[in-house]
């Protein structure tokens, strides 16, 4: 009987520990970004939101790859930290210059590190977001007509 109680107590403690160190889930709302009809002297932007189901703070690091990596910027209105109460929205901007027309591809690699120093090996701690940038010389002009009126004319 004493052995059974020890086993039950050990199992209960084990369940508590598993629950306490359960893995956080970090998610990104897009797997790819498309920047279409970007002029060489223009720009295009997109947003990306990172969220977590954990109360722990995760620092967000990133690496930009691809032939146009020097023309991509990532910014935010706050520190690059994400937790359950505070998702992180990133502004991603493409500003190419002196680049030939065509479609260019690359990736944004995001990694995460817990600020409290706890190991996150059981958690998905990196994401790859592919991007495509279409460089063009086309100028797309749009106009909206809200109303037209024509006066009557009489000839003769």
N, C-alpha and C. Protein backbone atom coordinates (compact mmCIF):
# COMPACT_ATOMS: atom_id res chain seq x y z
N UNK A 1 0.83 -1.19 0.00
CA UNK A 1 0.00 0.00 0.00
C UNK A 1 0.87 1.26 0.00
N UNK A 2 1.94 1.20 0.79
CA UNK A 2 2.86 2.33 0.86
C UNK A 2 3.53 2.55 -0.49
N UNK A 3 3.86 1.46 -1.19
CA UNK A 3 4.47 1.56 -2.51
C UNK A 3 3.51 2.21 -3.50
N UNK A 4 2.25 1.88 -3.45
CA UNK A 4 1.24 2.45 -4.35
C UNK A 4 1.11 3.94 -4.11
N UNK A 5 1.10 4.38 -2.83
CA UNK A 5 1.02 5.80 -2.51
C UNK A 5 2.23 6.56 -3.05
N UNK A 6 3.43 5.96 -2.93
CA UNK A 6 4.64 6.60 -3.47
C UNK A 6 4.53 6.76 -4.98
N UNK A 7 4.05 5.73 -5.65
CA UNK A 7 3.91 5.79 -7.11
C UNK A 7 2.90 6.86 -7.50
N UNK A 8 1.78 6.93 -6.79
CA UNK A 8 0.76 7.95 -7.09
C UNK A 8 1.30 9.35 -6.84
N UNK A 9 2.02 9.54 -5.77
CA UNK A 9 2.59 10.86 -5.46
C UNK A 9 3.61 11.25 -6.53
N UNK A 10 4.46 10.31 -6.94
CA UNK A 10 5.45 10.60 -7.98
C UNK A 10 4.76 10.92 -9.30
N UNK A 11 3.70 10.20 -9.63
CA UNK A 11 2.96 10.46 -10.87
C UNK A 11 2.32 11.85 -10.82
N UNK A 12 1.75 12.21 -9.67
CA UNK A 12 1.13 13.52 -9.51
C UNK A 12 2.16 14.64 -9.67
N UNK A 13 3.31 14.49 -9.05
CA UNK A 13 4.38 15.49 -9.16
C UNK A 13 4.85 15.57 -10.62
N UNK A 14 4.97 14.43 -11.26
CA UNK A 14 5.37 14.42 -12.67
C UNK A 14 4.38 15.17 -13.55
N UNK A 15 3.09 14.97 -13.31
CA UNK A 15 2.07 15.71 -14.08
C UNK A 15 2.16 17.20 -13.84
N UNK A 16 2.40 17.60 -12.60
CA UNK A 16 2.55 19.02 -12.29
C UNK A 16 3.73 19.61 -13.04
N UNK A 17 4.85 18.92 -13.04
CA UNK A 17 6.05 19.42 -13.72
C UNK A 17 5.81 19.52 -15.21
N UNK A 18 5.19 18.52 -15.81
CA UNK A 18 4.91 18.56 -17.24
C UNK A 18 4.01 19.74 -17.57
N UNK A 19 3.01 19.98 -16.72
CA UNK A 19 2.10 21.10 -16.97
C UNK A 19 2.84 22.43 -16.85
N UNK A 20 3.74 22.55 -15.90
CA UNK A 20 4.45 23.81 -15.68
C UNK A 20 5.39 24.13 -16.84
N UNK A 21 6.07 23.11 -17.37
CA UNK A 21 7.04 23.37 -18.42
C UNK A 21 6.49 23.06 -19.82
N UNK A 22 5.18 23.01 -19.96
CA UNK A 22 4.62 22.71 -21.28
C UNK A 22 5.05 23.78 -22.27
N UNK A 23 5.20 23.37 -23.50
CA UNK A 23 5.74 24.23 -24.54
C UNK A 23 4.77 25.33 -24.93
N UNK A 24 5.34 26.50 -25.16
CA UNK A 24 4.56 27.62 -25.67
C UNK A 24 4.40 27.44 -27.17
N UNK A 25 3.33 27.98 -27.69
CA UNK A 25 3.15 27.92 -29.14
C UNK A 25 3.28 29.34 -29.69
N UNK A 26 4.23 29.51 -30.59
CA UNK A 26 4.44 30.79 -31.27
C UNK A 26 3.94 30.63 -32.69
N UNK A 27 3.17 31.59 -33.16
CA UNK A 27 2.62 31.49 -34.52
C UNK A 27 2.88 32.78 -35.29
N UNK A 28 2.94 32.64 -36.62
CA UNK A 28 3.08 33.77 -37.53
C UNK A 28 1.90 33.70 -38.49
N UNK A 29 1.28 34.85 -38.77
CA UNK A 29 0.03 34.85 -39.54
C UNK A 29 0.20 34.64 -41.05
N UNK A 30 1.42 34.73 -41.59
CA UNK A 30 1.63 34.53 -43.03
C UNK A 30 2.86 33.66 -43.25
N UNK A 31 2.79 32.80 -44.26
CA UNK A 31 3.94 31.97 -44.62
C UNK A 31 4.73 32.57 -45.77
N UNK A 32 4.13 33.53 -46.47
CA UNK A 32 4.83 34.19 -47.57
C UNK A 32 4.30 35.61 -47.73
N UNK A 33 5.14 36.46 -48.32
CA UNK A 33 4.78 37.85 -48.58
C UNK A 33 5.01 38.14 -50.06
N UNK A 34 4.05 38.79 -50.69
CA UNK A 34 4.18 39.17 -52.09
C UNK A 34 4.17 40.69 -52.21
N UNK A 35 5.18 41.22 -52.86
CA UNK A 35 5.27 42.64 -53.17
C UNK A 35 5.14 42.74 -54.69
N UNK A 36 3.97 43.14 -55.17
CA UNK A 36 3.70 43.15 -56.62
C UNK A 36 3.80 44.55 -57.19
N UNK A 37 4.23 44.62 -58.47
CA UNK A 37 4.29 45.87 -59.23
C UNK A 37 5.04 46.97 -58.49
N UNK A 38 6.21 46.65 -57.98
CA UNK A 38 7.03 47.62 -57.26
C UNK A 38 7.95 48.32 -58.26
N UNK A 39 7.87 49.63 -58.31
CA UNK A 39 8.77 50.40 -59.19
C UNK A 39 10.14 50.50 -58.55
N UNK A 40 11.15 50.59 -59.40
CA UNK A 40 12.52 50.71 -58.89
C UNK A 40 12.69 51.93 -57.99
N UNK A 41 11.97 52.97 -58.27
CA UNK A 41 12.08 54.18 -57.44
C UNK A 41 10.93 54.26 -56.43
N UNK A 42 10.21 53.18 -56.25
CA UNK A 42 9.06 53.18 -55.36
C UNK A 42 9.26 52.27 -54.16
N UNK A 43 8.15 51.90 -53.56
CA UNK A 43 8.21 51.00 -52.41
C UNK A 43 6.89 50.25 -52.30
N UNK A 44 6.92 49.21 -51.51
CA UNK A 44 5.73 48.43 -51.19
C UNK A 44 5.90 47.92 -49.77
N UNK A 45 4.79 47.77 -49.05
CA UNK A 45 4.93 47.25 -47.69
C UNK A 45 3.89 46.19 -47.41
N UNK A 46 4.16 45.43 -46.38
CA UNK A 46 3.31 44.34 -45.94
C UNK A 46 3.42 44.28 -44.42
N UNK A 47 2.51 43.58 -43.77
CA UNK A 47 2.60 43.40 -42.32
C UNK A 47 2.63 41.91 -42.01
N UNK A 48 3.19 41.61 -40.86
CA UNK A 48 3.30 40.24 -40.38
C UNK A 48 3.08 40.28 -38.88
N UNK A 49 2.21 39.42 -38.35
CA UNK A 49 1.93 39.41 -36.92
C UNK A 49 2.41 38.11 -36.30
N UNK A 50 3.15 38.24 -35.21
CA UNK A 50 3.67 37.11 -34.45
C UNK A 50 2.94 37.09 -33.11
N UNK A 51 2.45 35.92 -32.72
CA UNK A 51 1.75 35.83 -31.43
C UNK A 51 2.19 34.57 -30.68
N UNK A 52 1.89 34.55 -29.39
CA UNK A 52 2.27 33.44 -28.54
C UNK A 52 1.12 33.14 -27.58
N UNK A 53 1.01 31.88 -27.17
CA UNK A 53 -0.01 31.53 -26.17
C UNK A 53 0.57 31.45 -24.77
N UNK A 54 1.80 31.94 -24.62
CA UNK A 54 2.50 31.88 -23.33
C UNK A 54 2.62 33.26 -22.70
N UNK A 55 2.60 33.29 -21.38
CA UNK A 55 2.83 34.55 -20.67
C UNK A 55 4.30 34.94 -20.65
N UNK A 56 5.17 34.00 -20.99
CA UNK A 56 6.61 34.27 -21.02
C UNK A 56 6.94 35.24 -22.16
N UNK A 57 7.97 36.06 -21.95
CA UNK A 57 8.42 36.98 -22.98
C UNK A 57 9.42 36.28 -23.90
N UNK A 58 9.23 36.44 -25.22
CA UNK A 58 10.14 35.89 -26.21
C UNK A 58 10.72 37.02 -27.03
N UNK A 59 12.05 37.09 -27.10
CA UNK A 59 12.71 38.08 -27.95
C UNK A 59 12.69 37.55 -29.38
N UNK A 60 12.37 38.43 -30.32
CA UNK A 60 12.29 38.06 -31.73
C UNK A 60 13.56 38.55 -32.44
N UNK A 61 14.25 37.65 -33.09
CA UNK A 61 15.42 37.99 -33.92
C UNK A 61 15.08 37.62 -35.35
N UNK A 62 15.70 38.29 -36.30
CA UNK A 62 15.42 37.96 -37.69
C UNK A 62 16.66 38.10 -38.55
N UNK A 63 16.61 37.41 -39.69
CA UNK A 63 17.66 37.46 -40.70
C UNK A 63 16.96 37.57 -42.04
N UNK A 64 17.43 38.48 -42.89
CA UNK A 64 16.85 38.66 -44.22
C UNK A 64 17.82 38.05 -45.23
N UNK A 65 17.31 37.19 -46.11
CA UNK A 65 18.15 36.57 -47.14
C UNK A 65 17.61 36.93 -48.52
N UNK A 66 18.38 36.64 -49.55
CA UNK A 66 17.95 36.89 -50.92
C UNK A 66 18.77 38.00 -51.56
N UNK A 67 18.67 38.11 -52.89
CA UNK A 67 19.48 39.09 -53.61
C UNK A 67 19.05 40.53 -53.34
N UNK A 68 17.83 40.75 -52.88
CA UNK A 68 17.38 42.11 -52.55
C UNK A 68 17.32 42.36 -51.04
N UNK A 69 18.07 41.58 -50.27
CA UNK A 69 18.00 41.71 -48.81
C UNK A 69 18.35 43.11 -48.32
N UNK A 70 19.19 43.84 -49.05
CA UNK A 70 19.56 45.19 -48.64
C UNK A 70 18.45 46.20 -48.87
N UNK A 71 17.42 45.80 -49.58
CA UNK A 71 16.30 46.71 -49.87
C UNK A 71 15.06 46.38 -49.05
N UNK A 72 15.18 45.46 -48.10
CA UNK A 72 14.07 45.07 -47.23
C UNK A 72 14.35 45.61 -45.83
N UNK A 73 13.36 46.25 -45.23
CA UNK A 73 13.48 46.69 -43.84
C UNK A 73 12.32 46.13 -43.03
N UNK A 74 12.59 45.86 -41.76
CA UNK A 74 11.58 45.37 -40.83
C UNK A 74 11.57 46.33 -39.65
N UNK A 75 10.37 46.79 -39.30
CA UNK A 75 10.26 47.72 -38.17
C UNK A 75 8.99 47.42 -37.39
N UNK A 76 8.93 47.98 -36.19
CA UNK A 76 7.78 47.82 -35.33
C UNK A 76 7.66 49.06 -34.46
N UNK A 77 6.47 49.28 -33.93
CA UNK A 77 6.25 50.42 -33.04
C UNK A 77 6.68 50.12 -31.61
N UNK A 78 7.17 48.91 -31.35
CA UNK A 78 7.59 48.54 -30.00
C UNK A 78 8.79 47.62 -30.07
N UNK A 79 9.30 47.23 -28.91
CA UNK A 79 10.42 46.29 -28.84
C UNK A 79 10.03 44.99 -29.52
N UNK A 80 11.00 44.27 -30.02
CA UNK A 80 10.74 43.00 -30.70
C UNK A 80 10.61 41.87 -29.68
N UNK A 81 9.55 41.98 -28.87
CA UNK A 81 9.24 41.00 -27.84
C UNK A 81 7.77 40.61 -27.99
N UNK A 82 7.49 39.32 -27.86
CA UNK A 82 6.12 38.84 -28.00
C UNK A 82 5.76 37.99 -26.78
N UNK A 83 4.52 38.10 -26.34
CA UNK A 83 3.97 37.22 -25.31
C UNK A 83 2.45 37.16 -25.53
N UNK A 84 1.77 36.41 -24.68
CA UNK A 84 0.33 36.19 -24.85
C UNK A 84 -0.46 37.50 -24.88
N UNK A 85 -0.11 38.42 -24.01
CA UNK A 85 -0.84 39.68 -23.91
C UNK A 85 -0.45 40.71 -24.96
N UNK A 86 0.66 40.46 -25.65
CA UNK A 86 1.18 41.48 -26.55
C UNK A 86 1.72 40.87 -27.84
N UNK A 87 0.84 40.60 -28.82
CA UNK A 87 1.34 40.13 -30.12
C UNK A 87 2.20 41.22 -30.76
N UNK A 88 3.05 40.82 -31.68
CA UNK A 88 3.98 41.75 -32.33
C UNK A 88 3.61 41.88 -33.80
N UNK A 89 3.29 43.10 -34.24
CA UNK A 89 3.03 43.35 -35.65
C UNK A 89 4.26 44.04 -36.24
N UNK A 90 4.79 43.42 -37.29
CA UNK A 90 5.98 43.94 -37.96
C UNK A 90 5.59 44.58 -39.28
N UNK A 91 6.20 45.70 -39.59
CA UNK A 91 6.03 46.36 -40.89
C UNK A 91 7.22 45.96 -41.74
N UNK A 92 6.95 45.36 -42.88
CA UNK A 92 8.01 44.91 -43.77
C UNK A 92 7.91 45.71 -45.06
N UNK A 93 8.98 46.40 -45.39
CA UNK A 93 8.97 47.32 -46.53
C UNK A 93 10.05 46.94 -47.53
N UNK A 94 9.67 46.98 -48.81
CA UNK A 94 10.62 46.76 -49.91
C UNK A 94 10.80 48.08 -50.64
N UNK A 95 12.05 48.57 -50.73
CA UNK A 95 12.39 49.83 -51.41
C UNK A 95 13.56 49.60 -52.37
N UNK A 96 13.29 48.96 -53.49
CA UNK A 96 14.39 48.69 -54.42
C UNK A 96 14.81 49.92 -55.20
N UNK A 97 16.07 49.98 -55.57
CA UNK A 97 16.56 51.04 -56.45
C UNK A 97 17.67 50.45 -57.31
N UNK A 98 17.72 50.91 -58.56
CA UNK A 98 18.74 50.43 -59.51
C UNK A 98 18.74 48.90 -59.64
N UNK A 99 17.54 48.33 -59.73
CA UNK A 99 17.39 46.88 -59.86
C UNK A 99 16.66 46.61 -61.17
N UNK A 100 17.11 45.63 -61.91
CA UNK A 100 16.47 45.29 -63.18
C UNK A 100 15.07 44.74 -62.94
N UNK A 101 14.20 44.93 -63.93
CA UNK A 101 12.85 44.36 -63.85
C UNK A 101 12.94 42.85 -63.68
N UNK A 102 11.99 42.30 -62.94
CA UNK A 102 11.95 40.86 -62.75
C UNK A 102 11.34 40.51 -61.41
N UNK A 103 11.31 39.22 -61.13
CA UNK A 103 10.78 38.73 -59.86
C UNK A 103 11.95 38.21 -59.05
N UNK A 104 12.09 38.72 -57.84
CA UNK A 104 13.17 38.36 -56.94
C UNK A 104 12.59 37.65 -55.72
N UNK A 105 13.32 36.68 -55.21
CA UNK A 105 12.84 35.90 -54.08
C UNK A 105 13.86 35.88 -52.96
N UNK A 106 13.37 35.68 -51.76
CA UNK A 106 14.23 35.56 -50.59
C UNK A 106 13.41 35.06 -49.43
N UNK A 107 14.01 35.11 -48.26
CA UNK A 107 13.33 34.62 -47.06
C UNK A 107 13.62 35.53 -45.88
N UNK A 108 12.68 35.54 -44.96
CA UNK A 108 12.85 36.16 -43.65
C UNK A 108 12.89 35.00 -42.65
N UNK A 109 13.96 34.90 -41.89
CA UNK A 109 14.11 33.83 -40.91
C UNK A 109 13.93 34.46 -39.53
N UNK A 110 12.92 33.99 -38.81
CA UNK A 110 12.64 34.50 -37.47
C UNK A 110 13.01 33.44 -36.44
N UNK A 111 13.74 33.85 -35.40
CA UNK A 111 14.06 32.97 -34.28
C UNK A 111 13.60 33.63 -32.99
N UNK A 112 13.39 32.81 -31.96
CA UNK A 112 12.83 33.29 -30.70
C UNK A 112 13.65 32.76 -29.54
N UNK A 113 13.80 33.61 -28.53
CA UNK A 113 14.54 33.22 -27.33
C UNK A 113 13.79 33.73 -26.11
N UNK A 114 13.56 32.84 -25.16
CA UNK A 114 12.88 33.26 -23.92
C UNK A 114 13.80 34.20 -23.15
N UNK A 115 13.24 35.29 -22.67
CA UNK A 115 14.03 36.26 -21.92
C UNK A 115 14.38 35.80 -20.52
N UNK A 116 13.62 34.83 -19.97
CA UNK A 116 13.93 34.36 -18.62
C UNK A 116 15.03 33.31 -18.61
N UNK A 117 15.58 32.99 -19.78
CA UNK A 117 16.69 32.06 -19.85
C UNK A 117 16.29 30.59 -19.88
N UNK A 118 15.00 30.29 -19.78
CA UNK A 118 14.54 28.90 -19.83
C UNK A 118 14.78 28.33 -21.22
N UNK A 119 15.23 27.11 -21.28
CA UNK A 119 15.47 26.43 -22.56
C UNK A 119 14.15 26.24 -23.30
N UNK A 120 14.15 26.49 -24.60
CA UNK A 120 12.92 26.36 -25.38
C UNK A 120 13.06 25.27 -26.45
N UNK A 121 13.85 24.26 -26.17
CA UNK A 121 14.12 23.24 -27.19
C UNK A 121 12.87 22.46 -27.58
N UNK A 122 11.87 22.39 -26.71
CA UNK A 122 10.64 21.67 -27.04
C UNK A 122 9.67 22.53 -27.84
N UNK A 123 9.96 23.80 -27.95
CA UNK A 123 9.08 24.72 -28.63
C UNK A 123 9.61 25.00 -30.03
N UNK A 124 8.70 25.28 -30.95
CA UNK A 124 9.16 25.68 -32.28
C UNK A 124 9.76 27.06 -32.12
N UNK A 125 11.06 27.18 -32.36
CA UNK A 125 11.70 28.46 -32.08
C UNK A 125 12.24 29.14 -33.32
N UNK A 126 11.74 28.76 -34.52
CA UNK A 126 12.10 29.50 -35.72
C UNK A 126 11.03 29.33 -36.79
N UNK A 127 10.93 30.33 -37.66
CA UNK A 127 10.00 30.31 -38.78
C UNK A 127 10.71 30.85 -40.00
N UNK A 128 10.31 30.36 -41.16
CA UNK A 128 10.82 30.83 -42.44
C UNK A 128 9.63 31.41 -43.20
N UNK A 129 9.74 32.70 -43.57
CA UNK A 129 8.70 33.37 -44.35
C UNK A 129 9.33 33.77 -45.68
N UNK A 130 8.85 33.20 -46.77
CA UNK A 130 9.38 33.51 -48.10
C UNK A 130 8.77 34.80 -48.63
N UNK A 131 9.53 35.53 -49.43
CA UNK A 131 8.98 36.73 -50.06
C UNK A 131 9.31 36.76 -51.54
N UNK A 132 8.44 37.40 -52.30
CA UNK A 132 8.61 37.63 -53.74
C UNK A 132 8.46 39.12 -53.98
N UNK A 133 9.37 39.70 -54.75
CA UNK A 133 9.27 41.11 -55.10
C UNK A 133 9.26 41.20 -56.63
N UNK A 134 8.20 41.76 -57.18
CA UNK A 134 8.10 41.96 -58.61
C UNK A 134 8.47 43.40 -58.93
N UNK A 135 9.62 43.59 -59.61
CA UNK A 135 10.10 44.92 -59.98
C UNK A 135 9.60 45.22 -61.39
N UNK A 136 9.05 46.41 -61.57
CA UNK A 136 8.49 46.78 -62.87
C UNK A 136 8.71 48.26 -63.14
N UNK A 137 8.63 48.62 -64.42
CA UNK A 137 8.67 50.04 -64.80
C UNK A 137 7.26 50.58 -65.01
N UNK A 138 6.27 49.72 -64.93
CA UNK A 138 4.89 50.14 -65.17
C UNK A 138 4.44 51.11 -64.10
N UNK A 139 3.74 52.13 -64.54
CA UNK A 139 3.09 53.03 -63.59
C UNK A 139 1.61 52.73 -63.66
N UNK A 140 1.08 52.34 -62.56
CA UNK A 140 -0.35 52.02 -62.53
C UNK A 140 -1.08 53.25 -62.03
N UNK A 141 -1.92 53.78 -62.89
CA UNK A 141 -2.68 54.97 -62.54
C UNK A 141 -4.14 54.57 -62.40
N UNK A 142 -4.75 55.08 -61.37
CA UNK A 142 -6.15 54.78 -61.15
C UNK A 142 -6.90 56.09 -60.92
N UNK A 143 -8.12 56.09 -61.34
CA UNK A 143 -8.97 57.26 -61.12
C UNK A 143 -10.36 56.76 -60.75
N UNK A 144 -11.04 57.53 -59.93
CA UNK A 144 -12.39 57.19 -59.56
C UNK A 144 -13.31 58.31 -60.03
N UNK A 145 -14.29 57.95 -60.81
CA UNK A 145 -15.27 58.92 -61.30
C UNK A 145 -16.48 58.83 -60.38
N UNK A 146 -16.79 59.95 -59.74
CA UNK A 146 -17.92 59.94 -58.80
C UNK A 146 -19.21 60.41 -59.45
N UNK A 147 -19.09 61.11 -60.55
CA UNK A 147 -20.31 61.56 -61.23
C UNK A 147 -19.96 62.37 -62.46
N UNK A 148 -20.82 62.29 -63.45
CA UNK A 148 -20.64 63.03 -64.68
C UNK A 148 -21.96 63.72 -64.99
N UNK A 149 -21.85 64.98 -65.42
CA UNK A 149 -23.07 65.65 -65.86
C UNK A 149 -22.80 66.28 -67.23
N UNK A 150 -23.79 66.23 -68.11
CA UNK A 150 -23.67 66.78 -69.44
C UNK A 150 -24.83 67.74 -69.63
N UNK A 151 -24.51 69.00 -69.98
CA UNK A 151 -25.56 70.01 -70.22
C UNK A 151 -26.17 69.78 -71.60
N UNK A 152 -27.47 70.02 -71.69
CA UNK A 152 -28.15 69.94 -72.98
C UNK A 152 -27.68 71.08 -73.86
N UNK A 153 -27.49 70.76 -75.15
CA UNK A 153 -27.15 71.82 -76.09
C UNK A 153 -28.15 71.74 -77.25
N UNK A 154 -28.43 72.89 -77.84
CA UNK A 154 -29.34 73.00 -78.99
C UNK A 154 -28.60 73.63 -80.14
N UNK A 155 -28.55 72.96 -81.25
CA UNK A 155 -27.89 73.49 -82.43
C UNK A 155 -28.97 73.78 -83.46
N UNK A 156 -28.97 75.03 -84.03
CA UNK A 156 -29.84 75.31 -85.15
C UNK A 156 -30.88 76.23 -84.87
